[in-house]
Amino acid sequence: MVDGAAEEALEESVGGEYVTLRVYVFLLKAGDASVRDVYRGCGLSSPSLALHHLKKLEGLTLARRDENGVYHVIVRRFGVLRFFHKVGTWLLPTSFFYMMLYASIAVASVFFLPSGIWEATVIVSAVGFTTSLIETVLFLKLIR
């Protein structure tokens, strides 16, 4: 768990700088990557720029470099990343899971609730699903 002062430093050093955040998100998705992988994957202007941001992440203990020069991500939740969960190589916003919950409630209500009640449940679930879908799309746009 990150304490308050350390979280503020992470938000300022990473969240406040777009390219460093992009490199960190790339590492979160990839798990591990070389300097050239980051350079190509993030579309940076040079490998030295990728190295600069990787060293910055390493200094903030968000990545570690092994003896082969490969950087491995250290998963932390701070800033906007508090609203995301790493599932395999995917970063999914929490609102995605709420969206799936509302869809499950709607489907289950059709099968398990009596007529007259399930219709209301489906309507309420549809509102929740739509709201969560909009939030999911907006969150995904943030980390692109």
N, C-alpha and C. Protein backbone atom coordinates (compact mmCIF):
# COMPACT_ATOMS: atom_id res chain seq x y z
N MET A 1 0.84 -1.18 0.00
CA MET A 1 0.00 0.00 0.00
C MET A 1 0.88 1.24 0.00
N VAL A 2 0.50 2.24 -0.75
CA VAL A 2 1.26 3.46 -0.86
C VAL A 2 0.70 4.46 0.13
N ASP A 3 1.60 5.09 0.97
CA ASP A 3 1.12 6.08 1.92
C ASP A 3 0.81 7.40 1.21
N GLY A 4 0.22 8.34 1.94
CA GLY A 4 -0.25 9.59 1.35
C GLY A 4 0.82 10.41 0.65
N ALA A 5 1.97 10.61 1.31
CA ALA A 5 3.04 11.42 0.73
C ALA A 5 3.63 10.75 -0.51
N ALA A 6 3.81 9.43 -0.44
CA ALA A 6 4.37 8.71 -1.58
C ALA A 6 3.38 8.72 -2.75
N GLU A 7 2.10 8.63 -2.44
CA GLU A 7 1.09 8.66 -3.50
C GLU A 7 1.07 10.02 -4.18
N GLU A 8 1.20 11.09 -3.41
CA GLU A 8 1.24 12.44 -4.00
C GLU A 8 2.45 12.59 -4.91
N ALA A 9 3.59 12.05 -4.48
CA ALA A 9 4.80 12.12 -5.30
C ALA A 9 4.62 11.35 -6.60
N LEU A 10 3.99 10.18 -6.52
CA LEU A 10 3.72 9.40 -7.74
C LEU A 10 2.79 10.14 -8.67
N GLU A 11 1.74 10.72 -8.11
CA GLU A 11 0.78 11.45 -8.94
C GLU A 11 1.45 12.63 -9.63
N GLU A 12 2.32 13.31 -8.91
CA GLU A 12 3.00 14.47 -9.49
C GLU A 12 4.05 14.06 -10.51
N SER A 13 4.84 13.04 -10.19
CA SER A 13 5.95 12.64 -11.06
C SER A 13 5.52 11.83 -12.26
N VAL A 14 4.46 11.04 -12.12
CA VAL A 14 4.03 10.17 -13.21
C VAL A 14 2.71 10.66 -13.79
N GLY A 15 1.72 10.81 -12.95
CA GLY A 15 0.40 11.23 -13.43
C GLY A 15 0.40 12.61 -14.05
N GLY A 16 1.29 13.48 -13.57
CA GLY A 16 1.36 14.84 -14.08
C GLY A 16 2.14 14.95 -15.37
N GLU A 17 2.86 13.92 -15.74
CA GLU A 17 3.65 13.95 -16.97
C GLU A 17 3.11 12.88 -17.92
N TYR A 18 2.55 13.32 -19.02
CA TYR A 18 1.82 12.43 -19.92
C TYR A 18 2.69 11.29 -20.47
N VAL A 19 3.91 11.57 -20.90
CA VAL A 19 4.73 10.54 -21.53
C VAL A 19 5.14 9.49 -20.51
N THR A 20 5.50 9.90 -19.31
CA THR A 20 5.88 8.93 -18.28
C THR A 20 4.68 8.04 -17.93
N LEU A 21 3.50 8.63 -17.84
CA LEU A 21 2.31 7.84 -17.58
C LEU A 21 2.05 6.86 -18.72
N ARG A 22 2.25 7.30 -19.96
CA ARG A 22 2.06 6.43 -21.13
C ARG A 22 3.04 5.25 -21.07
N VAL A 23 4.28 5.51 -20.70
CA VAL A 23 5.28 4.44 -20.60
C VAL A 23 4.89 3.47 -19.48
N TYR A 24 4.40 4.00 -18.36
CA TYR A 24 3.99 3.13 -17.26
C TYR A 24 2.79 2.27 -17.66
N VAL A 25 1.82 2.86 -18.33
CA VAL A 25 0.65 2.10 -18.79
C VAL A 25 1.08 1.02 -19.78
N PHE A 26 2.04 1.37 -20.67
CA PHE A 26 2.56 0.37 -21.61
C PHE A 26 3.18 -0.80 -20.84
N LEU A 27 3.97 -0.49 -19.81
CA LEU A 27 4.58 -1.55 -19.00
C LEU A 27 3.52 -2.36 -18.26
N LEU A 28 2.48 -1.70 -17.77
CA LEU A 28 1.41 -2.43 -17.10
C LEU A 28 0.78 -3.45 -18.03
N LYS A 29 0.57 -3.06 -19.27
CA LYS A 29 -0.04 -3.97 -20.24
C LYS A 29 0.93 -5.07 -20.67
N ALA A 30 2.19 -4.70 -20.86
CA ALA A 30 3.18 -5.66 -21.36
C ALA A 30 3.74 -6.55 -20.25
N GLY A 31 3.83 -6.02 -19.04
CA GLY A 31 4.43 -6.77 -17.94
C GLY A 31 5.92 -6.53 -17.86
N ASP A 32 6.61 -6.74 -18.96
CA ASP A 32 8.04 -6.45 -19.03
C ASP A 32 8.38 -6.05 -20.46
N ALA A 33 9.41 -5.22 -20.60
CA ALA A 33 9.76 -4.72 -21.93
C ALA A 33 11.18 -4.16 -21.91
N SER A 34 11.81 -4.21 -23.07
CA SER A 34 13.13 -3.60 -23.23
C SER A 34 12.95 -2.14 -23.60
N VAL A 35 14.04 -1.42 -23.64
CA VAL A 35 14.01 0.00 -24.03
C VAL A 35 13.44 0.13 -25.44
N ARG A 36 13.86 -0.74 -26.34
CA ARG A 36 13.37 -0.67 -27.72
C ARG A 36 11.88 -1.00 -27.82
N ASP A 37 11.42 -1.95 -26.99
CA ASP A 37 9.99 -2.26 -26.97
C ASP A 37 9.17 -1.03 -26.57
N VAL A 38 9.64 -0.33 -25.55
CA VAL A 38 8.94 0.87 -25.09
C VAL A 38 9.01 1.95 -26.16
N TYR A 39 10.17 2.12 -26.75
CA TYR A 39 10.36 3.11 -27.82
C TYR A 39 9.36 2.88 -28.95
N ARG A 40 9.26 1.65 -29.39
CA ARG A 40 8.34 1.32 -30.50
C ARG A 40 6.88 1.33 -30.04
N GLY A 41 6.61 0.72 -28.91
CA GLY A 41 5.24 0.58 -28.42
C GLY A 41 4.57 1.89 -28.06
N CYS A 42 5.35 2.84 -27.58
CA CYS A 42 4.79 4.14 -27.19
C CYS A 42 4.93 5.19 -28.29
N GLY A 43 5.62 4.83 -29.37
CA GLY A 43 5.79 5.78 -30.47
C GLY A 43 6.64 6.97 -30.07
N LEU A 44 7.68 6.74 -29.27
CA LEU A 44 8.54 7.83 -28.83
C LEU A 44 9.54 8.20 -29.92
N SER A 45 10.12 9.39 -29.79
CA SER A 45 10.99 9.90 -30.85
C SER A 45 12.36 9.24 -30.88
N SER A 46 12.80 8.66 -29.74
CA SER A 46 14.11 8.00 -29.73
C SER A 46 14.18 6.99 -28.58
N PRO A 47 15.07 6.00 -28.70
CA PRO A 47 15.25 5.05 -27.60
C PRO A 47 15.78 5.73 -26.33
N SER A 48 16.55 6.80 -26.49
CA SER A 48 17.07 7.48 -25.29
C SER A 48 15.95 8.14 -24.50
N LEU A 49 14.90 8.60 -25.18
CA LEU A 49 13.74 9.15 -24.48
C LEU A 49 13.02 8.04 -23.72
N ALA A 50 12.90 6.87 -24.32
CA ALA A 50 12.30 5.72 -23.64
C ALA A 50 13.12 5.35 -22.40
N LEU A 51 14.44 5.35 -22.54
CA LEU A 51 15.32 5.03 -21.42
C LEU A 51 15.15 6.05 -20.29
N HIS A 52 15.05 7.32 -20.64
CA HIS A 52 14.86 8.38 -19.64
C HIS A 52 13.60 8.10 -18.81
N HIS A 53 12.50 7.79 -19.46
CA HIS A 53 11.26 7.55 -18.74
C HIS A 53 11.29 6.23 -17.96
N LEU A 54 11.95 5.23 -18.50
CA LEU A 54 12.10 3.97 -17.77
C LEU A 54 12.94 4.15 -16.51
N LYS A 55 14.01 4.93 -16.61
CA LYS A 55 14.84 5.20 -15.43
C LYS A 55 14.07 6.01 -14.40
N LYS A 56 13.23 6.92 -14.89
CA LYS A 56 12.39 7.69 -13.97
C LYS A 56 11.43 6.76 -13.23
N LEU A 57 10.82 5.83 -13.94
CA LEU A 57 9.93 4.86 -13.30
C LEU A 57 10.69 3.95 -12.33
N GLU A 58 11.91 3.60 -12.70
CA GLU A 58 12.73 2.77 -11.83
C GLU A 58 13.06 3.52 -10.54
N GLY A 59 13.35 4.81 -10.66
CA GLY A 59 13.64 5.63 -9.48
C GLY A 59 12.43 5.78 -8.56
N LEU A 60 11.25 5.71 -9.12
CA LEU A 60 10.02 5.81 -8.33
C LEU A 60 9.51 4.44 -7.87
N THR A 61 10.32 3.42 -8.08
CA THR A 61 9.99 2.01 -7.77
C THR A 61 8.68 1.57 -8.42
N LEU A 62 8.49 1.99 -9.67
CA LEU A 62 7.36 1.52 -10.46
C LEU A 62 7.81 0.50 -11.50
N ALA A 63 9.12 0.36 -11.63
CA ALA A 63 9.69 -0.62 -12.55
C ALA A 63 11.05 -1.03 -11.99
N ARG A 64 11.48 -2.22 -12.37
CA ARG A 64 12.84 -2.65 -11.99
C ARG A 64 13.50 -3.25 -13.21
N ARG A 65 14.78 -3.05 -13.29
CA ARG A 65 15.57 -3.52 -14.44
C ARG A 65 16.33 -4.76 -14.02
N ASP A 66 16.27 -5.82 -14.84
CA ASP A 66 17.03 -7.03 -14.53
C ASP A 66 18.40 -6.97 -15.19
N GLU A 67 19.18 -8.02 -15.01
CA GLU A 67 20.55 -8.05 -15.52
C GLU A 67 20.63 -8.05 -17.04
N ASN A 68 19.54 -8.38 -17.72
CA ASN A 68 19.50 -8.39 -19.18
C ASN A 68 19.03 -7.08 -19.78
N GLY A 69 18.73 -6.10 -18.93
CA GLY A 69 18.27 -4.80 -19.42
C GLY A 69 16.77 -4.74 -19.68
N VAL A 70 16.05 -5.75 -19.22
CA VAL A 70 14.59 -5.78 -19.41
C VAL A 70 13.95 -5.16 -18.17
N TYR A 71 13.00 -4.27 -18.41
CA TYR A 71 12.29 -3.60 -17.32
C TYR A 71 11.01 -4.36 -17.00
N HIS A 72 10.78 -4.58 -15.71
CA HIS A 72 9.59 -5.29 -15.24
C HIS A 72 8.75 -4.32 -14.43
N VAL A 73 7.46 -4.34 -14.67
CA VAL A 73 6.56 -3.40 -14.00
C VAL A 73 6.32 -3.81 -12.55
N ILE A 74 6.18 -2.82 -11.69
CA ILE A 74 5.75 -3.01 -10.32
C ILE A 74 4.38 -2.34 -10.25
N VAL A 75 3.36 -3.13 -10.05
CA VAL A 75 1.98 -2.63 -10.14
C VAL A 75 1.64 -1.82 -8.89
N ARG A 76 1.24 -0.58 -9.13
CA ARG A 76 0.76 0.30 -8.07
C ARG A 76 -0.46 1.04 -8.58
N ARG A 77 -1.36 1.36 -7.68
CA ARG A 77 -2.57 2.10 -8.05
C ARG A 77 -2.48 3.48 -7.44
N PHE A 78 -2.42 4.49 -8.29
CA PHE A 78 -2.35 5.89 -7.85
C PHE A 78 -2.97 6.75 -8.94
N GLY A 79 -3.36 7.96 -8.57
CA GLY A 79 -3.94 8.86 -9.55
C GLY A 79 -5.12 8.22 -10.25
N VAL A 80 -5.20 8.42 -11.54
CA VAL A 80 -6.30 7.86 -12.34
C VAL A 80 -6.23 6.33 -12.38
N LEU A 81 -5.06 5.77 -12.16
CA LEU A 81 -4.90 4.31 -12.20
C LEU A 81 -5.58 3.63 -11.01
N ARG A 82 -6.02 4.42 -10.01
CA ARG A 82 -6.80 3.86 -8.91
C ARG A 82 -8.09 3.24 -9.39
N PHE A 83 -8.58 3.71 -10.52
CA PHE A 83 -9.86 3.25 -11.05
C PHE A 83 -9.72 2.08 -12.02
N PHE A 84 -8.52 1.50 -12.13
CA PHE A 84 -8.27 0.41 -13.06
C PHE A 84 -7.77 -0.82 -12.32
N HIS A 85 -8.03 -1.97 -12.92
CA HIS A 85 -7.54 -3.24 -12.40
C HIS A 85 -6.80 -3.95 -13.54
N LYS A 86 -5.67 -4.54 -13.21
CA LYS A 86 -4.89 -5.29 -14.21
C LYS A 86 -5.41 -6.72 -14.23
N VAL A 87 -5.91 -7.13 -15.39
CA VAL A 87 -6.41 -8.50 -15.58
C VAL A 87 -5.64 -9.06 -16.77
N GLY A 88 -4.64 -9.88 -16.47
CA GLY A 88 -3.76 -10.38 -17.54
C GLY A 88 -3.00 -9.22 -18.15
N THR A 89 -3.15 -9.04 -19.45
CA THR A 89 -2.49 -7.92 -20.12
C THR A 89 -3.46 -6.75 -20.34
N TRP A 90 -4.62 -6.82 -19.73
CA TRP A 90 -5.64 -5.78 -19.89
C TRP A 90 -5.68 -4.88 -18.67
N LEU A 91 -5.97 -3.62 -18.91
CA LEU A 91 -6.27 -2.68 -17.84
C LEU A 91 -7.76 -2.34 -17.97
N LEU A 92 -8.53 -2.77 -16.99
CA LEU A 92 -9.98 -2.57 -17.05
C LEU A 92 -10.42 -1.63 -15.94
N PRO A 93 -11.24 -0.63 -16.30
CA PRO A 93 -11.76 0.26 -15.25
C PRO A 93 -12.77 -0.47 -14.37
N THR A 94 -12.87 -0.03 -13.12
CA THR A 94 -13.81 -0.62 -12.19
C THR A 94 -15.23 -0.56 -12.74
N SER A 95 -15.55 0.49 -13.47
CA SER A 95 -16.90 0.63 -14.04
C SER A 95 -17.24 -0.51 -14.99
N PHE A 96 -16.23 -1.15 -15.60
CA PHE A 96 -16.47 -2.30 -16.46
C PHE A 96 -17.09 -3.45 -15.66
N PHE A 97 -16.59 -3.66 -14.44
CA PHE A 97 -17.10 -4.74 -13.61
C PHE A 97 -18.53 -4.44 -13.14
N TYR A 98 -18.82 -3.16 -12.87
CA TYR A 98 -20.19 -2.78 -12.53
C TYR A 98 -21.11 -3.01 -13.74
N MET A 99 -20.61 -2.71 -14.92
CA MET A 99 -21.38 -2.93 -16.14
C MET A 99 -21.76 -4.41 -16.26
N MET A 100 -20.80 -5.29 -16.02
CA MET A 100 -21.07 -6.73 -16.09
C MET A 100 -22.04 -7.16 -14.99
N LEU A 101 -21.94 -6.54 -13.82
CA LEU A 101 -22.87 -6.86 -12.73
C LEU A 101 -24.29 -6.49 -13.12
N TYR A 102 -24.49 -5.30 -13.66
CA TYR A 102 -25.84 -4.89 -14.09
C TYR A 102 -26.38 -5.80 -15.18
N ALA A 103 -25.54 -6.21 -16.12
CA ALA A 103 -25.99 -7.12 -17.18
C ALA A 103 -26.40 -8.46 -16.59
N SER A 104 -25.64 -8.96 -15.63
CA SER A 104 -25.96 -10.24 -14.99
C SER A 104 -27.27 -10.16 -14.22
N ILE A 105 -27.48 -9.05 -13.54
CA ILE A 105 -28.73 -8.87 -12.78
C ILE A 105 -29.92 -8.86 -13.74
N ALA A 106 -29.77 -8.17 -14.87
CA ALA A 106 -30.87 -8.10 -15.84
C ALA A 106 -31.20 -9.49 -16.39
N VAL A 107 -30.19 -10.24 -16.76
CA VAL A 107 -30.42 -11.58 -17.33
C VAL A 107 -31.00 -12.51 -16.26
N ALA A 108 -30.45 -12.48 -15.07
CA ALA A 108 -30.94 -13.36 -14.00
C ALA A 108 -32.38 -13.02 -13.62
N SER A 109 -32.72 -11.74 -13.63
CA SER A 109 -34.09 -11.36 -13.24
C SER A 109 -35.13 -11.90 -14.21
N VAL A 110 -34.76 -11.98 -15.48
CA VAL A 110 -35.69 -12.51 -16.48
C VAL A 110 -36.02 -13.97 -16.17
N PHE A 111 -35.04 -14.72 -15.71
CA PHE A 111 -35.23 -16.16 -15.46
C PHE A 111 -35.77 -16.48 -14.08
N PHE A 112 -35.47 -15.64 -13.08
CA PHE A 112 -35.79 -16.02 -11.70
C PHE A 112 -36.86 -15.18 -11.03
N LEU A 113 -37.25 -14.06 -11.59
CA LEU A 113 -38.28 -13.23 -10.97
C LEU A 113 -39.61 -13.38 -11.70
N PRO A 114 -40.70 -13.22 -10.96
CA PRO A 114 -42.02 -13.34 -11.60
C PRO A 114 -42.30 -12.16 -12.53
N SER A 115 -43.21 -12.40 -13.45
CA SER A 115 -43.61 -11.37 -14.40
C SER A 115 -44.14 -10.16 -13.64
N GLY A 116 -43.81 -8.98 -14.13
CA GLY A 116 -44.22 -7.75 -13.48
C GLY A 116 -43.11 -7.16 -12.63
N ILE A 117 -42.29 -8.03 -12.07
CA ILE A 117 -41.16 -7.55 -11.26
C ILE A 117 -39.89 -7.51 -12.12
N TRP A 118 -39.70 -8.52 -12.94
CA TRP A 118 -38.45 -8.57 -13.71
C TRP A 118 -38.35 -7.43 -14.71
N GLU A 119 -39.48 -6.92 -15.21
CA GLU A 119 -39.44 -5.81 -16.15
C GLU A 119 -38.83 -4.57 -15.51
N ALA A 120 -39.25 -4.30 -14.27
CA ALA A 120 -38.70 -3.14 -13.54
C ALA A 120 -37.21 -3.34 -13.25
N THR A 121 -36.85 -4.56 -12.92
CA THR A 121 -35.45 -4.87 -12.64
C THR A 121 -34.59 -4.68 -13.89
N VAL A 122 -35.11 -5.09 -15.03
CA VAL A 122 -34.38 -4.93 -16.29
C VAL A 122 -34.19 -3.45 -16.62
N ILE A 123 -35.23 -2.65 -16.37
CA ILE A 123 -35.13 -1.21 -16.66
C ILE A 123 -34.07 -0.56 -15.76
N VAL A 124 -34.12 -0.85 -14.47
CA VAL A 124 -33.12 -0.29 -13.55
C VAL A 124 -31.72 -0.77 -13.91
N SER A 125 -31.59 -2.04 -14.24
CA SER A 125 -30.28 -2.59 -14.64
C SER A 125 -29.78 -1.95 -15.93
N ALA A 126 -30.70 -1.68 -16.85
CA ALA A 126 -30.31 -1.05 -18.12
C ALA A 126 -29.75 0.36 -17.88
N VAL A 127 -30.35 1.09 -16.95
CA VAL A 127 -29.84 2.43 -16.61
C VAL A 127 -28.45 2.31 -16.01
N GLY A 128 -28.28 1.39 -15.07
CA GLY A 128 -26.96 1.18 -14.46
C GLY A 128 -25.93 0.72 -15.47
N PHE A 129 -26.34 -0.19 -16.35
CA PHE A 129 -25.44 -0.69 -17.39
C PHE A 129 -24.99 0.45 -18.32
N THR A 130 -25.94 1.27 -18.74
CA THR A 130 -25.63 2.37 -19.66
C THR A 130 -24.69 3.38 -19.00
N THR A 131 -24.97 3.74 -17.76
CA THR A 131 -24.10 4.67 -17.03
C THR A 131 -22.69 4.10 -16.91
N SER A 132 -22.59 2.84 -16.54
CA SER A 132 -21.28 2.19 -16.40
C SER A 132 -20.56 2.07 -17.73
N LEU A 133 -21.30 1.83 -18.80
CA LEU A 133 -20.71 1.75 -20.13
C LEU A 133 -20.09 3.09 -20.53
N ILE A 134 -20.82 4.17 -20.29
CA ILE A 134 -20.30 5.51 -20.61
C ILE A 134 -19.03 5.79 -19.80
N GLU A 135 -19.04 5.48 -18.51
CA GLU A 135 -17.85 5.69 -17.67
C GLU A 135 -16.69 4.82 -18.14
N THR A 136 -16.96 3.59 -18.52
CA THR A 136 -15.91 2.69 -19.00
C THR A 136 -15.25 3.26 -20.25
N VAL A 137 -16.04 3.73 -21.19
CA VAL A 137 -15.49 4.30 -22.42
C VAL A 137 -14.65 5.54 -22.10
N LEU A 138 -15.13 6.39 -21.22
CA LEU A 138 -14.38 7.60 -20.85
C LEU A 138 -13.06 7.25 -20.16
N PHE A 139 -13.09 6.27 -19.27
CA PHE A 139 -11.85 5.84 -18.59
C PHE A 139 -10.86 5.24 -19.58
N LEU A 140 -11.35 4.44 -20.51
CA LEU A 140 -10.45 3.83 -21.50
C LEU A 140 -9.82 4.88 -22.39
N LYS A 141 -10.54 5.96 -22.68
CA LYS A 141 -9.96 7.05 -23.47
C LYS A 141 -8.84 7.74 -22.73
N LEU A 142 -8.91 7.75 -21.38
CA LEU A 142 -7.88 8.40 -20.58
C LEU A 142 -6.51 7.74 -20.72
N ILE A 143 -6.49 6.42 -20.85
CA ILE A 143 -5.20 5.73 -20.86
C ILE A 143 -4.74 5.35 -22.26
N ARG A 144 -5.40 5.79 -23.29
CA ARG A 144 -4.96 5.49 -24.65
C ARG A 144 -3.74 6.30 -24.99
